Amino acid sequence: MLLRNAKIVTIEDQDSYGLIECGAIAIKDGLIDWVGADEAIPAAYLDAPTRDLEGRLITPALIDCHTHVVHGGDRAVEFEMRLKGASYEEVARAGGGIVSTVKATREASIEDLLTSALPRVDALLAEGVSVIEVKSGYGLDRETELNMLRAARMISAHRNVRIKTTFLGAHAVPVEYKDNPDGYIDEVCIPTLKAAHAEGLVDAVDGFCEGIAFNTDQIRRVFDVARELGIPVKLHAEQLSNIGGTKLAAEYGAISVDHIEYATEEDAIAMAKSGSVAVLLPGAFYTLHETQLPPIDAFRKHGVPMAIATDCNPGSSPLASILLTMNMSCTLFRLTPEEALVGATAHAARALGLSDTGRIKVGLRADIAIWNAKHPAELAYRIGFNPLFERIIGGESTAA
């Protein structure tokens, strides 16, 4: 297939994009076979099935590199309670918070988890997403954590999307271990991680390193097992305070460190040395009315790649729009539209350890989004407007 007469966003160095004003892309066997100016199309492609895109914009398909789309229930009622003045403590006493999601997730079958996740997945695909990372972490027992990962792996059998699964057993301390977090790590989290790995369900291992979750010593034990199993790690760190999670993640060569509102310049230096991606999550920042901004300037100064993601979850970020996430990253975190687009493509791929997607380059997968837009900045500029014309995933076309 030959796509021609399009504006093409190329991301060669993963830090900024180039723009071919009138370009063409040749796709063969699911890969990008050639890309360049429309007037320079090699003769070998001129007889291929050709589509005139009438000046539309082509970017790499978008990537959501941090989500919790598989879970049971929702927390709409507690959202309403908070707006009416209830404190988080009052919500928790009423059975809300993560406890309610854990309860609903434990009660759900694998089929229930899959069925409830698909509408959230569909919302992302409708905005040009080709890859979604999905975490466990709302089971907090062996069988439910495994079921979450099993349900996540089933998504790609029902939708044309690539799924990367992350074990997040160290997400919170379940009520049955509320006074014994070390016991939970040793008796539930680590054995479940080993079982999930044995079943082939784990692409990465994550944890929540925070005062309300797990400390660095507890996360270290999980990361040591991940290292023994040869699984890459990532970490929720420095979202609400700074207890050393980012430096720990960098020590283990984490592929990403996520949230990081309270990270310091010293943390940024550590991430630069380890090659870790900073994953910014403006949806949670917005929902929780946070005021501490991530150290964007320090990340820029030290060359830390910045990805963005929805953090789609039932509590702190009930957001299923990657386009709105791009806008929020600009308006709330002061990223440029260029940084937002690279953050939702090349850097998001890197945050998942993927080197075959996220850019428009010969030899990579033909994961492409075609937009009814004239300039890349339009994707981050508009609010509540979806200009997607078409997704092409692995060379396969899916109309918007």
Protein backbone atom coordinates (compact mmCIF):
# COMPACT_ATOMS: atom_id res chain seq x y z
CA MET A 1 0.00 0.00 0.00
CA LEU A 2 1.18 3.49 -0.85
CA LEU A 3 -0.10 6.52 1.09
CA ARG A 4 0.63 9.80 -0.64
CA ASN A 5 -0.20 13.52 -0.60
CA ALA A 6 0.03 13.76 3.19
CA LYS A 7 1.83 15.85 5.80
CA ILE A 8 4.03 13.34 7.63
CA VAL A 9 5.42 13.75 11.13
CA THR A 10 8.71 11.88 11.46
CA ILE A 11 10.48 11.35 14.78
CA GLU A 12 14.00 10.32 13.97
CA ASP A 13 15.98 11.21 17.11
CA GLN A 14 13.10 10.68 19.60
CA ASP A 15 13.47 14.22 20.97
CA SER A 16 11.69 16.27 18.33
CA TYR A 17 9.78 15.72 15.14
CA GLY A 18 10.31 16.60 11.52
CA LEU A 19 7.54 17.41 9.06
CA ILE A 20 7.39 16.36 5.42
CA GLU A 21 4.94 18.86 3.94
CA CYS A 22 3.87 16.68 1.02
CA GLY A 23 4.99 13.15 1.61
CA ALA A 24 4.31 9.49 1.02
CA ILE A 25 4.69 6.23 2.92
CA ALA A 26 5.04 2.77 1.40
CA ILE A 27 3.87 -0.15 3.55
CA LYS A 28 4.87 -3.75 2.92
CA ASP A 29 4.26 -6.83 5.08
CA GLY A 30 3.05 -4.69 7.97
CA LEU A 31 6.19 -2.55 8.05
CA ILE A 32 7.16 0.89 6.77
CA ASP A 33 9.14 0.15 3.61
CA TRP A 34 9.82 3.70 2.44
CA VAL A 35 9.02 7.27 3.52
CA GLY A 36 9.85 10.52 1.78
CA ALA A 37 8.65 13.38 -0.37
CA ASP A 38 5.70 12.70 -2.64
CA GLU A 39 7.67 13.84 -5.66
CA ALA A 40 10.47 11.37 -4.88
CA ILE A 41 8.46 8.12 -4.72
CA PRO A 42 10.67 5.31 -6.13
CA ALA A 43 9.39 3.70 -9.30
CA ALA A 44 9.10 0.34 -7.54
CA TYR A 45 6.11 1.63 -5.53
CA LEU A 46 4.21 3.42 -8.27
CA ASP A 47 2.21 0.34 -9.22
CA ALA A 48 1.20 -0.44 -5.61
CA PRO A 49 -2.39 0.16 -4.43
CA THR A 50 -2.36 3.89 -3.77
CA ARG A 51 -4.41 6.20 -1.59
CA ASP A 52 -4.49 9.97 -1.92
CA LEU A 53 -4.82 11.39 1.61
CA GLU A 54 -5.68 14.88 0.34
CA GLY A 55 -3.20 16.70 2.55
CA ARG A 56 -4.19 15.02 5.81
CA LEU A 57 -1.71 14.70 8.68
CA ILE A 58 0.07 11.41 9.41
CA THR A 59 1.72 10.73 12.76
CA PRO A 60 2.89 7.58 14.47
CA ALA A 61 -0.08 5.90 16.11
CA LEU A 62 -0.38 7.02 19.73
CA ILE A 63 0.65 4.89 22.71
CA ASP A 64 -0.86 4.88 26.21
CA CYS A 65 2.01 3.63 28.35
CA HIS A 66 0.38 3.71 31.82
CA THR A 67 -3.18 2.49 32.43
CA HIS A 68 -5.32 0.49 34.83
CA VAL A 69 -8.13 -0.20 32.35
CA VAL A 70 -8.82 -3.68 33.76
CA HIS A 71 -10.69 -3.46 37.06
CA GLY A 72 -14.06 -4.14 38.62
CA GLY A 73 -16.70 -1.53 39.49
CA ASP A 74 -16.35 2.25 39.51
CA ARG A 75 -16.10 5.03 42.08
CA ALA A 76 -18.59 7.55 40.74
CA VAL A 77 -20.50 7.67 44.03
CA GLU A 78 -17.43 8.62 46.05
CA PHE A 79 -16.62 11.28 43.45
CA GLU A 80 -20.02 12.75 44.23
CA MET A 81 -19.42 12.37 47.98
CA ARG A 82 -16.18 14.32 47.80
CA LEU A 83 -17.84 17.09 45.82
CA LYS A 84 -20.44 17.30 48.58
CA GLY A 85 -17.71 17.80 51.17
CA ALA A 86 -16.80 14.30 52.35
CA SER A 87 -13.13 13.83 53.22
CA TYR A 88 -11.05 10.95 51.88
CA GLU A 89 -11.19 9.43 55.38
CA GLU A 90 -14.99 9.65 55.39
CA VAL A 91 -15.13 8.09 51.93
CA ALA A 92 -12.87 5.27 53.09
CA ARG A 93 -15.01 4.65 56.20
CA ALA A 94 -18.03 4.40 53.91
CA GLY A 95 -16.28 1.60 52.01
CA GLY A 96 -14.92 3.75 49.20
CA GLY A 97 -11.42 4.28 47.89
CA ILE A 98 -9.18 1.52 46.63
CA VAL A 99 -10.86 -0.92 49.02
CA SER A 100 -14.08 -0.71 47.02
CA THR A 101 -12.25 -1.34 43.74
CA VAL A 102 -10.40 -4.31 45.22
CA LYS A 103 -13.69 -5.77 46.45
CA ALA A 104 -15.38 -5.31 43.06
CA THR A 105 -12.38 -6.70 41.19
CA ARG A 106 -12.15 -9.77 43.39
CA GLU A 107 -15.85 -10.44 42.78
CA ALA A 108 -15.51 -10.18 38.99
CA SER A 109 -14.78 -13.10 36.67
CA ILE A 110 -12.17 -12.89 33.94
CA GLU A 111 -14.98 -12.41 31.43
CA ASP A 112 -16.46 -9.60 33.55
CA LEU A 113 -13.08 -7.87 33.73
CA LEU A 114 -12.60 -8.15 29.98
CA THR A 115 -16.12 -6.95 29.15
CA SER A 116 -15.87 -3.91 31.40
CA ALA A 117 -12.40 -3.00 30.06
CA LEU A 118 -13.32 -3.05 26.37
CA PRO A 119 -15.31 0.24 26.32
CA ARG A 120 -12.33 2.01 27.89
CA VAL A 121 -10.05 0.39 25.34
CA ASP A 122 -12.41 1.43 22.54
CA ALA A 123 -12.26 5.05 23.69
CA LEU A 124 -8.48 5.00 23.39
CA LEU A 125 -8.48 3.26 20.01
CA ALA A 126 -10.93 5.85 18.68
CA GLU A 127 -8.21 8.44 19.30
CA GLY A 128 -5.50 6.68 17.33
CA VAL A 129 -3.92 4.46 20.00
CA SER A 130 -2.06 1.33 18.87
CA VAL A 131 -0.45 0.13 22.12
CA ILE A 132 -1.89 0.09 25.65
CA GLU A 133 -0.05 -0.87 28.80
CA VAL A 134 -2.34 -2.54 31.36
CA LYS A 135 -1.47 -3.04 35.03
CA SER A 136 -2.77 -5.41 37.64
CA GLY A 137 -2.95 -4.12 41.23
CA TYR A 138 -6.62 -4.16 42.19
CA GLY A 139 -6.69 -7.82 43.23
CA LEU A 140 -4.00 -7.88 45.90
CA ASP A 141 -4.42 -11.62 46.18
CA ARG A 142 -2.94 -14.35 44.02
CA GLU A 143 -5.93 -15.40 41.94
CA THR A 144 -7.35 -11.94 41.25
CA GLU A 145 -3.99 -10.47 40.28
CA LEU A 146 -3.53 -13.35 37.84
CA ASN A 147 -7.06 -12.91 36.51
CA MET A 148 -6.44 -9.22 35.85
CA LEU A 149 -3.38 -10.06 33.78
CA ARG A 150 -5.22 -12.86 31.97
CA ALA A 151 -8.07 -10.51 31.10
CA ALA A 152 -5.60 -7.88 29.88
CA ARG A 153 -3.91 -10.40 27.59
CA MET A 154 -7.31 -11.32 26.13
CA ILE A 155 -7.98 -7.76 24.92
CA SER A 156 -5.86 -8.12 21.79
CA ALA A 157 -7.96 -11.13 20.74
CA HIS A 158 -11.01 -8.84 20.65
CA ARG A 159 -9.47 -5.60 19.37
CA ASN A 160 -6.70 -4.65 16.95
CA VAL A 161 -4.36 -3.31 19.63
CA ARG A 162 -1.06 -4.34 21.15
CA ILE A 163 -1.21 -4.97 24.91
CA LYS A 164 1.73 -4.81 27.31
CA THR A 165 0.99 -6.21 30.77
CA THR A 166 2.55 -5.01 34.00
CA PHE A 167 2.44 -6.79 37.36
CA LEU A 168 1.55 -4.23 40.04
CA GLY A 169 1.06 -6.47 43.05
CA ALA A 170 2.82 -3.86 45.19
CA HIS A 171 0.07 -1.30 44.58
CA ALA A 172 -1.52 -1.11 48.03
CA VAL A 173 -1.71 -3.08 51.27
CA PRO A 174 -4.94 -5.13 51.33
CA VAL A 175 -7.13 -4.90 54.43
CA GLU A 176 -6.23 -8.41 55.53
CA TYR A 177 -2.58 -7.30 55.78
CA LYS A 178 -3.16 -3.70 56.90
CA ASP A 179 -0.77 -4.04 59.86
CA ASN A 180 1.69 -6.31 58.06
CA PRO A 181 2.84 -4.88 54.72
CA ASP A 182 6.07 -6.88 54.85
CA GLY A 183 4.03 -10.04 55.22
CA TYR A 184 1.97 -9.08 52.18
CA ILE A 185 5.10 -8.54 50.07
CA ASP A 186 6.66 -11.85 51.10
CA GLU A 187 3.58 -14.05 51.33
CA VAL A 188 1.40 -12.72 48.49
CA CYS A 189 3.08 -10.24 46.17
CA ILE A 190 6.35 -12.05 45.42
CA PRO A 191 4.84 -15.56 45.09
CA THR A 192 2.15 -14.14 42.78
CA LEU A 193 4.77 -12.41 40.66
CA LYS A 194 6.58 -15.72 40.24
CA ALA A 195 3.33 -17.47 39.30
CA ALA A 196 2.42 -14.76 36.80
CA HIS A 197 5.86 -14.97 35.21
CA ALA A 198 5.62 -18.75 34.98
CA GLU A 199 2.32 -18.31 33.14
CA GLY A 200 3.87 -15.83 30.70
CA LEU A 201 1.70 -12.93 31.86
CA VAL A 202 4.29 -10.31 32.79
CA ASP A 203 6.05 -7.82 30.51
CA ALA A 204 7.19 -5.54 33.36
CA VAL A 205 7.00 -5.20 37.15
CA ASP A 206 5.74 -2.05 38.86
CA GLY A 207 5.18 -0.84 42.42
CA PHE A 208 3.80 2.14 44.30
CA CYS A 209 6.60 3.64 46.41
CA GLU A 210 4.87 6.16 48.65
CA GLY A 211 4.08 6.80 52.31
CA ILE A 212 0.56 5.44 51.86
CA ALA A 213 1.79 2.32 50.04
CA PHE A 214 5.25 0.70 50.22
CA ASN A 215 8.68 1.94 51.27
CA THR A 216 11.91 1.55 49.33
CA ASP A 217 13.02 -1.57 51.23
CA GLN A 218 9.76 -3.34 50.39
CA ILE A 219 9.90 -2.33 46.73
CA ARG A 220 13.53 -3.40 46.59
CA ARG A 221 12.55 -6.96 47.53
CA VAL A 222 10.06 -7.05 44.65
CA PHE A 223 12.60 -5.59 42.23
CA ASP A 224 15.22 -8.15 43.30
CA VAL A 225 12.86 -10.94 42.27
CA ALA A 226 12.05 -9.17 39.00
CA ARG A 227 15.78 -8.94 38.29
CA GLU A 228 16.22 -12.65 39.03
CA LEU A 229 13.39 -13.41 36.59
CA GLY A 230 14.81 -11.09 33.93
CA ILE A 231 11.77 -8.78 33.92
CA PRO A 232 12.20 -5.00 33.45
CA VAL A 233 10.91 -2.74 36.22
CA LYS A 234 9.12 0.58 36.46
CA LEU A 235 7.79 2.51 39.44
CA HIS A 236 5.05 4.83 40.68
CA ALA A 237 7.23 7.26 42.63
CA GLU A 238 7.25 10.72 44.17
CA GLN A 239 3.57 11.37 43.45
CA LEU A 240 2.64 12.71 46.88
CA SER A 241 6.03 13.05 48.59
CA ASN A 242 9.67 12.14 48.07
CA ILE A 243 10.82 9.00 49.87
CA GLY A 244 13.55 7.96 47.47
CA GLY A 245 11.60 5.91 44.96
CA THR A 246 13.06 7.56 41.88
CA LYS A 247 16.64 6.89 42.92
CA LEU A 248 15.72 3.30 43.73
CA ALA A 249 14.13 2.88 40.31
CA ALA A 250 17.19 4.37 38.62
CA GLU A 251 19.43 2.00 40.59
CA TYR A 252 17.55 -0.92 39.03
CA GLY A 253 17.63 0.60 35.54
CA ALA A 254 13.87 1.13 35.46
CA ILE A 255 12.44 1.62 31.99
CA SER A 256 10.18 4.31 33.43
CA VAL A 257 9.44 6.25 36.60
CA ASP A 258 5.85 7.50 36.71
CA HIS A 259 4.00 10.44 38.35
CA ILE A 260 7.18 12.01 39.88
CA GLU A 261 5.64 15.35 40.83
CA TYR A 262 7.95 15.53 43.88
CA ALA A 263 11.10 14.41 42.06
CA THR A 264 14.15 16.67 42.38
CA GLU A 265 16.92 17.71 40.03
CA GLU A 266 19.08 15.06 41.69
CA ASP A 267 16.41 12.50 40.79
CA ALA A 268 16.43 13.78 37.21
CA ILE A 269 20.20 13.28 37.04
CA ALA A 270 19.81 9.72 38.30
CA MET A 271 17.13 9.02 35.68
CA ALA A 272 19.30 10.46 32.93
CA LYS A 273 22.14 8.14 33.93
CA SER A 274 19.88 5.07 34.03
CA GLY A 275 18.05 5.95 30.81
CA SER A 276 14.68 5.86 32.57
CA VAL A 277 11.71 7.60 30.97
CA ALA A 278 9.71 10.10 33.03
CA VAL A 279 6.03 9.24 32.55
CA LEU A 280 3.87 12.27 33.29
CA LEU A 281 0.25 11.69 34.33
CA PRO A 282 -1.71 14.95 34.22
CA GLY A 283 -5.07 13.21 34.65
CA ALA A 284 -4.28 12.26 38.26
CA PHE A 285 -2.77 15.70 38.89
CA TYR A 286 -6.03 17.28 37.68
CA THR A 287 -8.42 14.93 39.48
CA LEU A 288 -6.62 15.18 42.83
CA HIS A 289 -6.25 18.98 42.60
CA GLU A 290 -2.49 18.66 43.04
CA THR A 291 -0.29 21.75 42.99
CA GLN A 292 3.24 20.29 42.93
CA LEU A 293 4.42 20.26 39.31
CA PRO A 294 6.87 17.66 38.02
CA PRO A 295 10.40 19.08 37.51
CA ILE A 296 9.94 19.55 33.76
CA ASP A 297 12.86 21.98 33.40
CA ALA A 298 15.20 19.54 35.17
CA PHE A 299 14.11 16.75 32.86
CA ARG A 300 14.79 18.97 29.86
CA LYS A 301 18.13 20.14 31.22
CA HIS A 302 19.43 16.62 31.83
CA GLY A 303 17.92 14.99 28.75
CA VAL A 304 15.37 12.77 30.50
CA PRO A 305 12.81 11.61 27.90
CA MET A 306 9.27 12.54 28.91
CA ALA A 307 6.31 10.33 28.04
CA ILE A 308 2.67 11.06 28.84
CA ALA A 309 -0.20 8.68 29.61
CA THR A 310 -3.81 8.68 30.75
CA ASP A 311 -3.31 6.65 33.96
CA CYS A 312 -6.87 5.51 33.24
CA ASN A 313 -8.15 4.14 36.56
CA PRO A 314 -11.39 4.22 38.58
CA GLY A 315 -10.16 6.54 41.30
CA SER A 316 -7.53 9.21 40.79
CA SER A 317 -7.65 9.42 36.98
CA PRO A 318 -10.91 8.24 35.36
CA LEU A 319 -9.53 9.48 32.05
CA ALA A 320 -9.77 7.51 28.81
CA SER A 321 -8.65 10.17 26.32
CA ILE A 322 -5.06 10.33 25.14
CA LEU A 323 -5.83 13.54 23.22
CA LEU A 324 -7.08 15.27 26.36
CA THR A 325 -3.98 13.95 28.12
CA MET A 326 -1.86 15.70 25.50
CA ASN A 327 -3.76 18.93 26.08
CA MET A 328 -3.45 18.60 29.86
CA SER A 329 0.28 17.95 29.62
CA CYS A 330 0.60 21.28 27.82
CA THR A 331 -1.83 23.37 29.87
CA LEU A 332 -1.00 21.91 33.30
CA PHE A 333 2.65 20.84 32.96
CA ARG A 334 3.72 23.37 30.30
CA LEU A 335 4.98 20.85 27.79
CA THR A 336 5.10 22.08 24.22
CA PRO A 337 2.74 20.42 21.71
CA GLU A 338 5.84 18.89 20.15
CA GLU A 339 6.89 17.38 23.48
CA ALA A 340 3.34 16.11 24.04
CA LEU A 341 3.25 14.33 20.68
CA VAL A 342 6.71 12.80 21.09
CA GLY A 343 5.65 11.87 24.64
CA ALA A 344 2.62 9.98 23.35
CA THR A 345 4.60 8.18 20.63
CA ALA A 346 8.39 7.67 20.66
CA HIS A 347 8.95 8.22 24.38
CA ALA A 348 5.85 6.22 25.31
CA ALA A 349 7.24 3.32 23.26
CA ARG A 350 10.55 3.62 25.07
CA ALA A 351 8.73 3.59 28.43
CA LEU A 352 7.41 0.16 27.44
CA GLY A 353 10.73 -1.11 26.16
CA LEU A 354 9.49 -1.08 22.55
CA SER A 355 11.85 -0.18 19.73
CA ASP A 356 9.71 -1.24 16.75
CA THR A 357 6.96 1.39 16.99
CA GLY A 358 6.32 5.01 17.99
CA ARG A 359 8.08 6.57 15.02
CA ILE A 360 7.66 6.73 11.26
CA LYS A 361 10.85 5.15 10.04
CA VAL A 362 11.79 2.47 7.53
CA GLY A 363 11.81 -0.97 9.12
CA LEU A 364 9.44 -0.16 11.96
CA ARG A 365 5.88 -1.42 12.30
CA ALA A 366 3.34 0.44 10.17
CA ASP A 367 1.46 1.78 13.21
CA ILE A 368 0.08 5.04 11.86
CA ALA A 369 -2.62 7.55 12.70
CA ILE A 370 -4.16 9.70 9.96
CA TRP A 371 -5.82 12.93 11.09
CA ASN A 372 -8.15 15.55 9.68
CA ALA A 373 -5.62 18.17 10.72
CA LYS A 374 -3.13 20.49 9.09
CA HIS A 375 -0.52 20.79 11.85
CA PRO A 376 0.65 18.44 14.64
CA ALA A 377 -0.09 21.08 17.31
CA GLU A 378 -3.81 20.64 16.61
CA LEU A 379 -3.76 17.30 18.42
CA ALA A 380 -2.87 18.93 21.75
CA TYR A 381 -4.68 22.21 21.09
CA ARG A 382 -8.32 21.18 20.91
CA ILE A 383 -10.45 20.02 23.87
CA GLY A 384 -13.18 17.44 23.41
CA PHE A 385 -12.58 17.17 19.66
CA ASN A 386 -11.30 14.07 17.89
CA PRO A 387 -9.84 14.65 14.40
CA LEU A 388 -8.86 11.02 13.79
CA PHE A 389 -9.54 9.89 10.22
CA GLU A 390 -8.04 6.40 10.33
CA ARG A 391 -5.76 4.03 12.26
CA ILE A 392 -3.37 1.73 10.44
CA ILE A 393 -1.99 -0.89 12.83
CA GLY A 394 0.66 -3.29 11.58
CA GLY A 395 -0.35 -2.24 8.07
CA GLU A 396 -4.01 -3.07 8.69
CA SER A 397 -6.47 -0.20 8.17
CA THR A 398 -9.17 0.61 10.71
CA ALA A 399 -11.49 3.49 9.87
CA ALA A 400 -12.18 6.01 12.62
